[in-house]
């Protein structure tokens, strides 16, 4: 099995998480196509910080 690499332009680190492409496009410049994006640990941490408010609002709608 081949190791996945981070889909952010300029990053070649090993990917640890996968997120929806539409959400990641708001924050990063991405390489490749598809519906999912692989992110390394550092970019995933940045993704979580920048989408925190959006995720909180999403969870409010679940109730």
PDB file of N, CA and C in Angstrom:
ATOM      1  N   UNK A   1       0.843  -1.182   0.000  1.00  0.00           N
ATOM      2  CA  UNK A   1       0.000   0.000   0.000  1.00  0.00           C
ATOM      3  C   UNK A   1       0.887   1.244   0.000  1.00  0.00           C
ATOM      4  N   UNK A   2       0.590   2.163  -0.871  1.00  0.00           N
ATOM      5  CA  UNK A   2       1.397   3.377  -0.950  1.00  0.00           C
ATOM      6  C   UNK A   2       0.987   4.353   0.150  1.00  0.00           C
ATOM      7  N   UNK A   3       1.964   5.092   0.644  1.00  0.00           N
ATOM      8  CA  UNK A   3       1.682   6.077   1.672  1.00  0.00           C
ATOM      9  C   UNK A   3       1.091   7.316   1.021  1.00  0.00           C
ATOM     10  N   UNK A   4       0.084   7.867   1.654  1.00  0.00           N
ATOM     11  CA  UNK A   4      -0.547   9.086   1.157  1.00  0.00           C
ATOM     12  C   UNK A   4       0.287  10.283   1.603  1.00  0.00           C
ATOM     13  N   UNK A   5       0.338  11.290   0.763  1.00  0.00           N
ATOM     14  CA  UNK A   5       1.035  12.520   1.124  1.00  0.00           C
ATOM     15  C   UNK A   5       0.020  13.650   1.216  1.00  0.00           C
ATOM     16  N   UNK A   6       0.396  14.687   1.900  1.00  0.00           N
ATOM     17  CA  UNK A   6      -0.452  15.852   2.110  1.00  0.00           C
ATOM     18  C   UNK A   6      -0.794  16.489   0.754  1.00  0.00           C
ATOM     19  N   UNK A   7      -2.068  16.868   0.572  1.00  0.00           N
ATOM     20  CA  UNK A   7      -2.530  17.445  -0.687  1.00  0.00           C
ATOM     21  C   UNK A   7      -2.386  18.960  -0.757  1.00  0.00           C
ATOM     22  N   UNK A   8      -1.800  19.586   0.251  1.00  0.00           N
ATOM     23  CA  UNK A   8      -1.581  21.028   0.220  1.00  0.00           C
ATOM     24  C   UNK A   8      -0.367  21.307  -0.668  1.00  0.00           C
ATOM     25  N   UNK A   9      -0.500  22.301  -1.522  1.00  0.00           N
ATOM     26  CA  UNK A   9       0.582  22.654  -2.444  1.00  0.00           C
ATOM     27  C   UNK A   9       1.840  22.999  -1.655  1.00  0.00           C
ATOM     28  N   UNK A  10       2.966  22.359  -2.020  1.00  0.00           N
ATOM     29  CA  UNK A  10       4.247  22.629  -1.376  1.00  0.00           C
ATOM     30  C   UNK A  10       4.550  21.754  -0.179  1.00  0.00           C
ATOM     31  N   UNK A  11       3.648  20.871   0.200  1.00  0.00           N
ATOM     32  CA  UNK A  11       3.874  19.990   1.356  1.00  0.00           C
ATOM     33  C   UNK A  11       3.992  18.545   0.871  1.00  0.00           C
ATOM     34  N   UNK A  12       5.028  17.855   1.318  1.00  0.00           N
ATOM     35  CA  UNK A  12       5.237  16.450   0.937  1.00  0.00           C
ATOM     36  C   UNK A  12       5.270  15.532   2.140  1.00  0.00           C
ATOM     37  N   UNK A  13       4.699  15.959   3.257  1.00  0.00           N
ATOM     38  CA  UNK A  13       4.689  15.141   4.467  1.00  0.00           C
ATOM     39  C   UNK A  13       3.628  14.055   4.372  1.00  0.00           C
ATOM     40  N   UNK A  14       3.744  13.057   5.235  1.00  0.00           N
ATOM     41  CA  UNK A  14       2.803  11.948   5.257  1.00  0.00           C
ATOM     42  C   UNK A  14       1.443  12.414   5.777  1.00  0.00           C
ATOM     43  N   UNK A  15       0.367  12.013   5.110  1.00  0.00           N
ATOM     44  CA  UNK A  15      -0.990  12.401   5.501  1.00  0.00           C
ATOM     45  C   UNK A  15      -1.469  11.547   6.668  1.00  0.00           C
ATOM     46  N   UNK A  16      -2.191  12.178   7.593  1.00  0.00           N
ATOM     47  CA  UNK A  16      -2.734  11.460   8.748  1.00  0.00           C
ATOM     48  C   UNK A  16      -4.252  11.533   8.815  1.00  0.00           C
ATOM     49  N   UNK A  17      -4.864  12.526   8.174  1.00  0.00           N
ATOM     50  CA  UNK A  17      -6.314  12.691   8.207  1.00  0.00           C
ATOM     51  C   UNK A  17      -6.847  13.018   6.823  1.00  0.00           C
ATOM     52  N   UNK A  18      -8.133  12.736   6.616  1.00  0.00           N
ATOM     53  CA  UNK A  18      -8.811  13.039   5.368  1.00  0.00           C
ATOM     54  C   UNK A  18     -10.024  13.902   5.680  1.00  0.00           C
ATOM     55  N   UNK A  19     -10.216  14.977   4.911  1.00  0.00           N
ATOM     56  CA  UNK A  19     -11.346  15.881   5.123  1.00  0.00           C
ATOM     57  C   UNK A  19     -12.012  16.171   3.776  1.00  0.00           C
ATOM     58  N   UNK A  20     -13.191  16.767   3.844  1.00  0.00           N
ATOM     59  CA  UNK A  20     -13.923  17.127   2.628  1.00  0.00           C
ATOM     60  C   UNK A  20     -13.179  18.224   1.866  1.00  0.00           C
ATOM     61  N   UNK A  21     -13.104  18.071   0.561  1.00  0.00           N
ATOM     62  CA  UNK A  21     -12.365  19.016  -0.280  1.00  0.00           C
ATOM     63  C   UNK A  21     -12.958  20.421  -0.225  1.00  0.00           C
ATOM     64  N   UNK A  22     -14.290  20.552  -0.248  1.00  0.00           N
ATOM     65  CA  UNK A  22     -14.926  21.869  -0.255  1.00  0.00           C
ATOM     66  C   UNK A  22     -14.534  22.679   0.975  1.00  0.00           C
ATOM     67  N   UNK A  23     -14.453  22.039   2.123  1.00  0.00           N
ATOM     68  CA  UNK A  23     -14.085  22.744   3.353  1.00  0.00           C
ATOM     69  C   UNK A  23     -12.608  23.123   3.344  1.00  0.00           C
ATOM     70  N   UNK A  24     -11.770  22.240   2.844  1.00  0.00           N
ATOM     71  CA  UNK A  24     -10.329  22.497   2.831  1.00  0.00           C
ATOM     72  C   UNK A  24      -9.949  23.557   1.799  1.00  0.00           C
ATOM     73  N   UNK A  25     -10.708  23.665   0.706  1.00  0.00           N
ATOM     74  CA  UNK A  25     -10.409  24.651  -0.332  1.00  0.00           C
ATOM     75  C   UNK A  25     -10.552  26.082   0.179  1.00  0.00           C
ATOM     76  N   UNK A  26     -11.361  26.281   1.202  1.00  0.00           N
ATOM     77  CA  UNK A  26     -11.553  27.610   1.777  1.00  0.00           C
ATOM     78  C   UNK A  26     -10.296  28.090   2.491  1.00  0.00           C
ATOM     79  N   UNK A  27      -9.426  27.166   2.874  1.00  0.00           N
ATOM     80  CA  UNK A  27      -8.253  27.495   3.681  1.00  0.00           C
ATOM     81  C   UNK A  27      -6.940  27.311   2.923  1.00  0.00           C
ATOM     82  N   UNK A  28      -6.820  26.247   2.150  1.00  0.00           N
ATOM     83  CA  UNK A  28      -5.557  25.888   1.513  1.00  0.00           C
ATOM     84  C   UNK A  28      -5.640  25.895  -0.009  1.00  0.00           C
ATOM     85  N   UNK A  29      -4.475  26.031  -0.660  1.00  0.00           N
ATOM     86  CA  UNK A  29      -4.343  25.758  -2.095  1.00  0.00           C
ATOM     87  C   UNK A  29      -4.056  24.269  -2.197  1.00  0.00           C
ATOM     88  N   UNK A  30      -4.842  23.571  -2.988  1.00  0.00           N
ATOM     89  CA  UNK A  30      -4.727  22.120  -3.036  1.00  0.00           C
ATOM     90  C   UNK A  30      -4.262  21.642  -4.401  1.00  0.00           C
ATOM     91  N   UNK A  31      -3.588  20.500  -4.399  1.00  0.00           N
ATOM     92  CA  UNK A  31      -3.182  19.870  -5.655  1.00  0.00           C
ATOM     93  C   UNK A  31      -4.104  18.681  -5.913  1.00  0.00           C
ATOM     94  N   UNK A  32      -4.278  18.348  -7.168  1.00  0.00           N
ATOM     95  CA  UNK A  32      -5.098  17.202  -7.533  1.00  0.00           C
ATOM     96  C   UNK A  32      -6.582  17.511  -7.536  1.00  0.00           C
ATOM     97  N   UNK A  33      -7.363  16.484  -7.813  1.00  0.00           N
ATOM     98  CA  UNK A  33      -8.820  16.580  -7.875  1.00  0.00           C
ATOM     99  C   UNK A  33      -9.409  15.525  -6.946  1.00  0.00           C
ATOM    100  N   UNK A  34     -10.720  15.553  -6.800  1.00  0.00           N
ATOM    101  CA  UNK A  34     -11.402  14.557  -5.990  1.00  0.00           C
ATOM    102  C   UNK A  34     -12.290  15.211  -4.951  1.00  0.00           C
ATOM    103  N   UNK A  35     -12.980  14.386  -4.184  1.00  0.00           N
ATOM    104  CA  UNK A  35     -13.899  14.906  -3.175  1.00  0.00           C
ATOM    105  C   UNK A  35     -13.285  14.934  -1.787  1.00  0.00           C
ATOM    106  N   UNK A  36     -12.220  14.200  -1.581  1.00  0.00           N
ATOM    107  CA  UNK A  36     -11.544  14.145  -0.285  1.00  0.00           C
ATOM    108  C   UNK A  36     -10.120  14.672  -0.416  1.00  0.00           C
ATOM    109  N   UNK A  37      -9.594  15.194   0.695  1.00  0.00           N
ATOM    110  CA  UNK A  37      -8.249  15.750   0.728  1.00  0.00           C
ATOM    111  C   UNK A  37      -7.491  15.124   1.890  1.00  0.00           C
ATOM    112  N   UNK A  38      -6.258  14.729   1.644  1.00  0.00           N
ATOM    113  CA  UNK A  38      -5.403  14.174   2.688  1.00  0.00           C
ATOM    114  C   UNK A  38      -4.560  15.307   3.269  1.00  0.00           C
ATOM    115  N   UNK A  39      -4.508  15.382   4.606  1.00  0.00           N
ATOM    116  CA  UNK A  39      -3.740  16.427   5.271  1.00  0.00           C
ATOM    117  C   UNK A  39      -2.733  15.826   6.245  1.00  0.00           C
ATOM    118  N   UNK A  40      -1.562  16.465   6.328  1.00  0.00           N
ATOM    119  CA  UNK A  40      -0.559  16.053   7.314  1.00  0.00           C
ATOM    120  C   UNK A  40      -0.976  16.582   8.685  1.00  0.00           C
ATOM    121  N   UNK A  41      -0.243  16.213   9.700  1.00  0.00           N
ATOM    122  CA  UNK A  41      -0.589  16.593  11.067  1.00  0.00           C
ATOM    123  C   UNK A  41      -0.650  18.111  11.242  1.00  0.00           C
ATOM    124  N   UNK A  42       0.331  18.830  10.711  1.00  0.00           N
ATOM    125  CA  UNK A  42       0.386  20.283  10.875  1.00  0.00           C
ATOM    126  C   UNK A  42      -0.765  20.982  10.151  1.00  0.00           C
ATOM    127  N   UNK A  43      -1.052  20.567   8.922  1.00  0.00           N
ATOM    128  CA  UNK A  43      -2.135  21.198   8.175  1.00  0.00           C
ATOM    129  C   UNK A  43      -3.498  20.824   8.753  1.00  0.00           C
ATOM    130  N   UNK A  44      -3.639  19.620   9.295  1.00  0.00           N
ATOM    131  CA  UNK A  44      -4.902  19.240   9.924  1.00  0.00           C
ATOM    132  C   UNK A  44      -5.156  20.098  11.165  1.00  0.00           C
ATOM    133  N   UNK A  45      -4.099  20.357  11.927  1.00  0.00           N
ATOM    134  CA  UNK A  45      -4.220  21.200  13.115  1.00  0.00           C
ATOM    135  C   UNK A  45      -4.663  22.611  12.722  1.00  0.00           C
ATOM    136  N   UNK A  46      -4.064  23.150  11.658  1.00  0.00           N
ATOM    137  CA  UNK A  46      -4.441  24.471  11.154  1.00  0.00           C
ATOM    138  C   UNK A  46      -5.888  24.460  10.650  1.00  0.00           C
ATOM    139  N   UNK A  47      -6.286  23.386   9.958  1.00  0.00           N
ATOM    140  CA  UNK A  47      -7.651  23.232   9.462  1.00  0.00           C
ATOM    141  C   UNK A  47      -8.651  23.267  10.616  1.00  0.00           C
ATOM    142  N   UNK A  48      -8.346  22.541  11.684  1.00  0.00           N
ATOM    143  CA  UNK A  48      -9.235  22.509  12.843  1.00  0.00           C
ATOM    144  C   UNK A  48      -9.376  23.885  13.477  1.00  0.00           C
ATOM    145  N   UNK A  49      -8.282  24.612  13.598  1.00  0.00           N
ATOM    146  CA  UNK A  49      -8.331  25.946  14.201  1.00  0.00           C
ATOM    147  C   UNK A  49      -9.166  26.910  13.368  1.00  0.00           C
ATOM    148  N   UNK A  50      -8.989  26.878  12.058  1.00  0.00           N
ATOM    149  CA  UNK A  50      -9.662  27.831  11.185  1.00  0.00           C
ATOM    150  C   UNK A  50     -11.128  27.484  10.928  1.00  0.00           C
ATOM    151  N   UNK A  51     -11.543  26.244  11.180  1.00  0.00           N
ATOM    152  CA  UNK A  51     -12.934  25.862  10.946  1.00  0.00           C
ATOM    153  C   UNK A  51     -13.687  25.623  12.250  1.00  0.00           C
ATOM    154  N   UNK A  52     -13.119  26.001  13.363  1.00  0.00           N
ATOM    155  CA  UNK A  52     -13.738  25.732  14.663  1.00  0.00           C
ATOM    156  C   UNK A  52     -15.140  26.332  14.761  1.00  0.00           C
ATOM    157  N   UNK A  53     -15.297  27.585  14.405  1.00  0.00           N
ATOM    158  CA  UNK A  53     -16.591  28.256  14.508  1.00  0.00           C
ATOM    159  C   UNK A  53     -17.625  27.598  13.591  1.00  0.00           C
ATOM    160  N   UNK A  54     -17.225  27.249  12.368  1.00  0.00           N
ATOM    161  CA  UNK A  54     -18.137  26.592  11.436  1.00  0.00           C
ATOM    162  C   UNK A  54     -18.606  25.245  11.977  1.00  0.00           C
ATOM    163  N   UNK A  55     -17.686  24.485  12.552  1.00  0.00           N
ATOM    164  CA  UNK A  55     -18.037  23.174  13.096  1.00  0.00           C
ATOM    165  C   UNK A  55     -18.977  23.302  14.288  1.00  0.00           C
ATOM    166  N   UNK A  56     -18.770  24.336  15.118  1.00  0.00           N
ATOM    167  CA  UNK A  56     -19.669  24.561  16.263  1.00  0.00           C
ATOM    168  C   UNK A  56     -21.081  24.886  15.775  1.00  0.00           C
ATOM    169  N   UNK A  57     -21.184  25.725  14.751  1.00  0.00           N
ATOM    170  CA  UNK A  57     -22.496  26.070  14.208  1.00  0.00           C
ATOM    171  C   UNK A  57     -23.177  24.863  13.578  1.00  0.00           C
ATOM    172  N   UNK A  58     -22.414  23.995  12.954  1.00  0.00           N
ATOM    173  CA  UNK A  58     -22.956  22.763  12.375  1.00  0.00           C
ATOM    174  C   UNK A  58     -23.560  21.869  13.447  1.00  0.00           C
ATOM    175  N   UNK A  59     -22.847  21.747  14.570  1.00  0.00           N
ATOM    176  CA  UNK A  59     -23.313  20.875  15.658  1.00  0.00           C
ATOM    177  C   UNK A  59     -24.592  21.409  16.301  1.00  0.00           C
ATOM    178  N   UNK A  60     -24.781  22.732  16.318  1.00  0.00           N
ATOM    179  CA  UNK A  60     -25.991  23.310  16.894  1.00  0.00           C
ATOM    180  C   UNK A  60     -27.217  22.833  16.107  1.00  0.00           C
ATOM    181  N   UNK A  61     -27.065  22.686  14.819  1.00  0.00           N
ATOM    182  CA  UNK A  61     -28.157  22.232  13.970  1.00  0.00           C
ATOM    183  C   UNK A  61     -28.551  20.781  14.183  1.00  0.00           C
ATOM    184  N   UNK A  62     -27.724  20.005  14.839  1.00  0.00           N
ATOM    185  CA  UNK A  62     -28.018  18.581  15.063  1.00  0.00           C
ATOM    186  C   UNK A  62     -29.089  18.372  16.126  1.00  0.00           C
ATOM    187  N   UNK A  63     -29.250  19.337  17.016  1.00  0.00           N
ATOM    188  CA  UNK A  63     -30.161  19.167  18.149  1.00  0.00           C
ATOM    189  C   UNK A  63     -31.596  19.313  17.728  1.00  0.00           C
TER     190      UNK A  63
END
